Amino acid sequence: MRSIVAVSIVAACGWMGGAAIAAERQALCTFVVAGKTYIHGPCNFEADPDGSFRIWDEVHTVYVNVDGNAAEASWNKDPKSFHADSPLGTLTRNGACWANAVTQVCTRSLPAHK
């Protein structure tokens, strides 16, 4: 049984490849819904090769799934939830932000320390 699990793990790693694994880092983030700011400042940031990304802090998680010039976003509206299962609708990109009439998700790299 262990050998089946080991082979499955090795195969999965081979299929994903190194470029498919997202790298987590710190960023400066803003997340606003209906005029209320939920994240503003340093947050955790993880991006995928296709431009999709996730941001989170101690309370909220936001997923932005990019498909060309648009993105579908969701978040954990209930802070007790561990899943970003509340839809935010379709967002369009404007500089460092993805937004619609109700939601804004912005990320920037943290300044380099000297």
C-alpha atoms as a PDB file:
ATOM      1  CA  MET A   1       0.000   0.000   0.000  1.00  0.00           C
ATOM      2  CA  ARG A   2       2.834   2.406   0.845  1.00  0.00           C
ATOM      3  CA  SER A   3       4.404   1.832  -2.569  1.00  0.00           C
ATOM      4  CA  ILE A   4       1.141   2.786  -4.312  1.00  0.00           C
ATOM      5  CA  VAL A   5       0.982   6.026  -2.319  1.00  0.00           C
ATOM      6  CA  ALA A   6       4.645   6.786  -3.026  1.00  0.00           C
ATOM      7  CA  VAL A   7       4.209   6.166  -6.766  1.00  0.00           C
ATOM      8  CA  SER A   8       1.107   8.392  -6.780  1.00  0.00           C
ATOM      9  CA  ILE A   9       2.983  11.231  -5.079  1.00  0.00           C
ATOM     10  CA  VAL A  10       5.934  10.977  -7.471  1.00  0.00           C
ATOM     11  CA  ALA A  11       3.597  10.882 -10.478  1.00  0.00           C
ATOM     12  CA  ALA A  12       1.633  13.898  -9.259  1.00  0.00           C
ATOM     13  CA  CYS A  13       4.846  15.892  -8.766  1.00  0.00           C
ATOM     14  CA  GLY A  14       5.974  14.962 -12.254  1.00  0.00           C
ATOM     15  CA  TRP A  15       2.666  16.031 -13.819  1.00  0.00           C
ATOM     16  CA  MET A  16       2.625  19.364 -12.002  1.00  0.00           C
ATOM     17  CA  GLY A  17       6.204  20.290 -12.856  1.00  0.00           C
ATOM     18  CA  GLY A  18       8.228  22.926 -11.054  1.00  0.00           C
ATOM     19  CA  ALA A  19       6.610  25.907 -12.835  1.00  0.00           C
ATOM     20  CA  ALA A  20       3.110  24.867 -11.802  1.00  0.00           C
ATOM     21  CA  ILE A  21       3.842  25.174  -8.099  1.00  0.00           C
ATOM     22  CA  ALA A  22       2.912  28.610  -6.777  1.00  0.00           C
ATOM     23  CA  ALA A  23       5.293  30.508  -4.526  1.00  0.00           C
ATOM     24  CA  GLU A  24       3.967  32.204  -1.411  1.00  0.00           C
ATOM     25  CA  ARG A  25       5.307  35.625  -0.445  1.00  0.00           C
ATOM     26  CA  GLN A  26       4.321  38.779   1.392  1.00  0.00           C
ATOM     27  CA  ALA A  27       2.663  41.656  -0.510  1.00  0.00           C
ATOM     28  CA  LEU A  28       0.817  44.879   0.158  1.00  0.00           C
ATOM     29  CA  CYS A  29      -2.875  44.166  -0.332  1.00  0.00           C
ATOM     30  CA  THR A  30      -6.204  45.923  -0.348  1.00  0.00           C
ATOM     31  CA  PHE A  31      -9.491  44.033  -0.330  1.00  0.00           C
ATOM     32  CA  VAL A  32     -12.759  45.991  -0.274  1.00  0.00           C
ATOM     33  CA  VAL A  33     -16.344  44.724  -0.554  1.00  0.00           C
ATOM     34  CA  ALA A  34     -19.331  47.096  -0.674  1.00  0.00           C
ATOM     35  CA  GLY A  35     -17.264  49.971   0.705  1.00  0.00           C
ATOM     36  CA  LYS A  36     -15.896  48.024   3.675  1.00  0.00           C
ATOM     37  CA  THR A  37     -12.144  47.351   3.785  1.00  0.00           C
ATOM     38  CA  TYR A  38     -11.265  43.852   5.003  1.00  0.00           C
ATOM     39  CA  ILE A  39      -7.538  43.767   4.175  1.00  0.00           C
ATOM     40  CA  HIS A  40      -5.292  46.815   3.910  1.00  0.00           C
ATOM     41  CA  GLY A  41      -1.561  46.340   4.321  1.00  0.00           C
ATOM     42  CA  PRO A  42       0.777  43.361   4.377  1.00  0.00           C
ATOM     43  CA  CYS A  43      -0.793  40.027   3.491  1.00  0.00           C
ATOM     44  CA  ASN A  44       0.181  36.609   2.211  1.00  0.00           C
ATOM     45  CA  PHE A  45       0.173  36.331  -1.588  1.00  0.00           C
ATOM     46  CA  GLU A  46       0.396  33.284  -3.833  1.00  0.00           C
ATOM     47  CA  ALA A  47       0.241  33.441  -7.640  1.00  0.00           C
ATOM     48  CA  ASP A  48      -0.188  30.854 -10.373  1.00  0.00           C
ATOM     49  CA  PRO A  49       1.461  30.937 -13.819  1.00  0.00           C
ATOM     50  CA  ASP A  50      -1.853  31.942 -15.455  1.00  0.00           C
ATOM     51  CA  GLY A  51      -2.116  35.089 -13.297  1.00  0.00           C
ATOM     52  CA  SER A  52      -4.645  33.689 -10.839  1.00  0.00           C
ATOM     53  CA  PHE A  53      -3.796  34.413  -7.218  1.00  0.00           C
ATOM     54  CA  ARG A  54      -4.795  34.147  -3.602  1.00  0.00           C
ATOM     55  CA  ILE A  55      -4.360  36.666  -0.804  1.00  0.00           C
ATOM     56  CA  TRP A  56      -5.025  36.118   2.873  1.00  0.00           C
ATOM     57  CA  ASP A  57      -4.432  37.421   6.349  1.00  0.00           C
ATOM     58  CA  GLU A  58      -5.336  35.992   9.755  1.00  0.00           C
ATOM     59  CA  VAL A  59      -9.066  36.351   9.036  1.00  0.00           C
ATOM     60  CA  HIS A  60      -9.903  36.556   5.325  1.00  0.00           C
ATOM     61  CA  THR A  61      -8.981  34.625   2.194  1.00  0.00           C
ATOM     62  CA  VAL A  62      -9.608  35.869  -1.354  1.00  0.00           C
ATOM     63  CA  TYR A  63      -9.270  33.831  -4.566  1.00  0.00           C
ATOM     64  CA  VAL A  64      -8.987  35.576  -7.947  1.00  0.00           C
ATOM     65  CA  ASN A  65      -9.177  33.069 -10.812  1.00  0.00           C
ATOM     66  CA  VAL A  66      -8.004  34.796 -13.993  1.00  0.00           C
ATOM     67  CA  ASP A  67      -9.311  33.805 -17.413  1.00  0.00           C
ATOM     68  CA  GLY A  68      -7.937  36.177 -20.035  1.00  0.00           C
ATOM     69  CA  ASN A  69      -9.108  39.747 -19.383  1.00  0.00           C
ATOM     70  CA  ALA A  70     -11.581  38.775 -16.671  1.00  0.00           C
ATOM     71  CA  ALA A  71     -11.456  36.955 -13.361  1.00  0.00           C
ATOM     72  CA  GLU A  72     -13.935  35.215 -11.087  1.00  0.00           C
ATOM     73  CA  ALA A  73     -13.348  35.943  -7.426  1.00  0.00           C
ATOM     74  CA  SER A  74     -14.546  34.502  -4.140  1.00  0.00           C
ATOM     75  CA  TRP A  75     -13.794  34.923  -0.437  1.00  0.00           C
ATOM     76  CA  ASN A  76     -14.627  33.591   2.995  1.00  0.00           C
ATOM     77  CA  LYS A  77     -17.345  36.103   3.876  1.00  0.00           C
ATOM     78  CA  ASP A  78     -17.814  34.253   7.152  1.00  0.00           C
ATOM     79  CA  PRO A  79     -14.464  34.675   8.960  1.00  0.00           C
ATOM     80  CA  LYS A  80     -15.018  31.312  10.674  1.00  0.00           C
ATOM     81  CA  SER A  81     -15.054  29.559   7.291  1.00  0.00           C
ATOM     82  CA  PHE A  82     -11.862  27.989   5.994  1.00  0.00           C
ATOM     83  CA  HIS A  83     -13.100  28.169   2.386  1.00  0.00           C
ATOM     84  CA  ALA A  84     -13.384  31.084  -0.040  1.00  0.00           C
ATOM     85  CA  ASP A  85     -16.903  29.991  -0.938  1.00  0.00           C
ATOM     86  CA  SER A  86     -18.725  33.355  -1.206  1.00  0.00           C
ATOM     87  CA  PRO A  87     -18.696  34.607  -4.817  1.00  0.00           C
ATOM     88  CA  LEU A  88     -17.603  38.167  -5.578  1.00  0.00           C
ATOM     89  CA  GLY A  89     -18.535  38.044  -9.257  1.00  0.00           C
ATOM     90  CA  THR A  90     -16.543  38.827 -12.369  1.00  0.00           C
ATOM     91  CA  LEU A  91     -13.685  41.294 -11.985  1.00  0.00           C
ATOM     92  CA  THR A  92     -11.681  43.195 -14.596  1.00  0.00           C
ATOM     93  CA  ARG A  93      -8.103  44.357 -14.256  1.00  0.00           C
ATOM     94  CA  ASN A  94      -7.170  47.982 -13.688  1.00  0.00           C
ATOM     95  CA  GLY A  95      -3.426  48.275 -13.030  1.00  0.00           C
ATOM     96  CA  ALA A  96      -2.542  46.406  -9.840  1.00  0.00           C
ATOM     97  CA  CYS A  97      -6.231  45.878  -9.026  1.00  0.00           C
ATOM     98  CA  TRP A  98      -9.040  43.601 -10.090  1.00  0.00           C
ATOM     99  CA  ALA A  99     -12.462  45.159  -9.514  1.00  0.00           C
ATOM    100  CA  ASN A 100     -16.156  45.348 -10.261  1.00  0.00           C
ATOM    101  CA  ALA A 101     -18.885  47.700  -8.962  1.00  0.00           C
ATOM    102  CA  VAL A 102     -18.769  46.117  -5.479  1.00  0.00           C
ATOM    103  CA  THR A 103     -15.311  44.575  -5.017  1.00  0.00           C
ATOM    104  CA  GLN A 104     -11.704  45.683  -5.299  1.00  0.00           C
ATOM    105  CA  VAL A 105      -8.671  43.388  -4.873  1.00  0.00           C
ATOM    106  CA  CYS A 106      -5.239  45.038  -5.196  1.00  0.00           C
ATOM    107  CA  THR A 107      -1.756  43.650  -4.665  1.00  0.00           C
ATOM    108  CA  ARG A 108       1.706  45.186  -4.858  1.00  0.00           C
ATOM    109  CA  SER A 109       5.127  43.834  -4.098  1.00  0.00           C
ATOM    110  CA  LEU A 110       6.604  44.898  -0.800  1.00  0.00           C
ATOM    111  CA  PRO A 111       9.459  47.402  -1.165  1.00  0.00           C
ATOM    112  CA  ALA A 112      12.901  45.808  -1.045  1.00  0.00           C
ATOM    113  CA  HIS A 113      14.796  46.281   2.220  1.00  0.00           C
ATOM    114  CA  LYS A 114      18.172  47.976   2.013  1.00  0.00           C
END
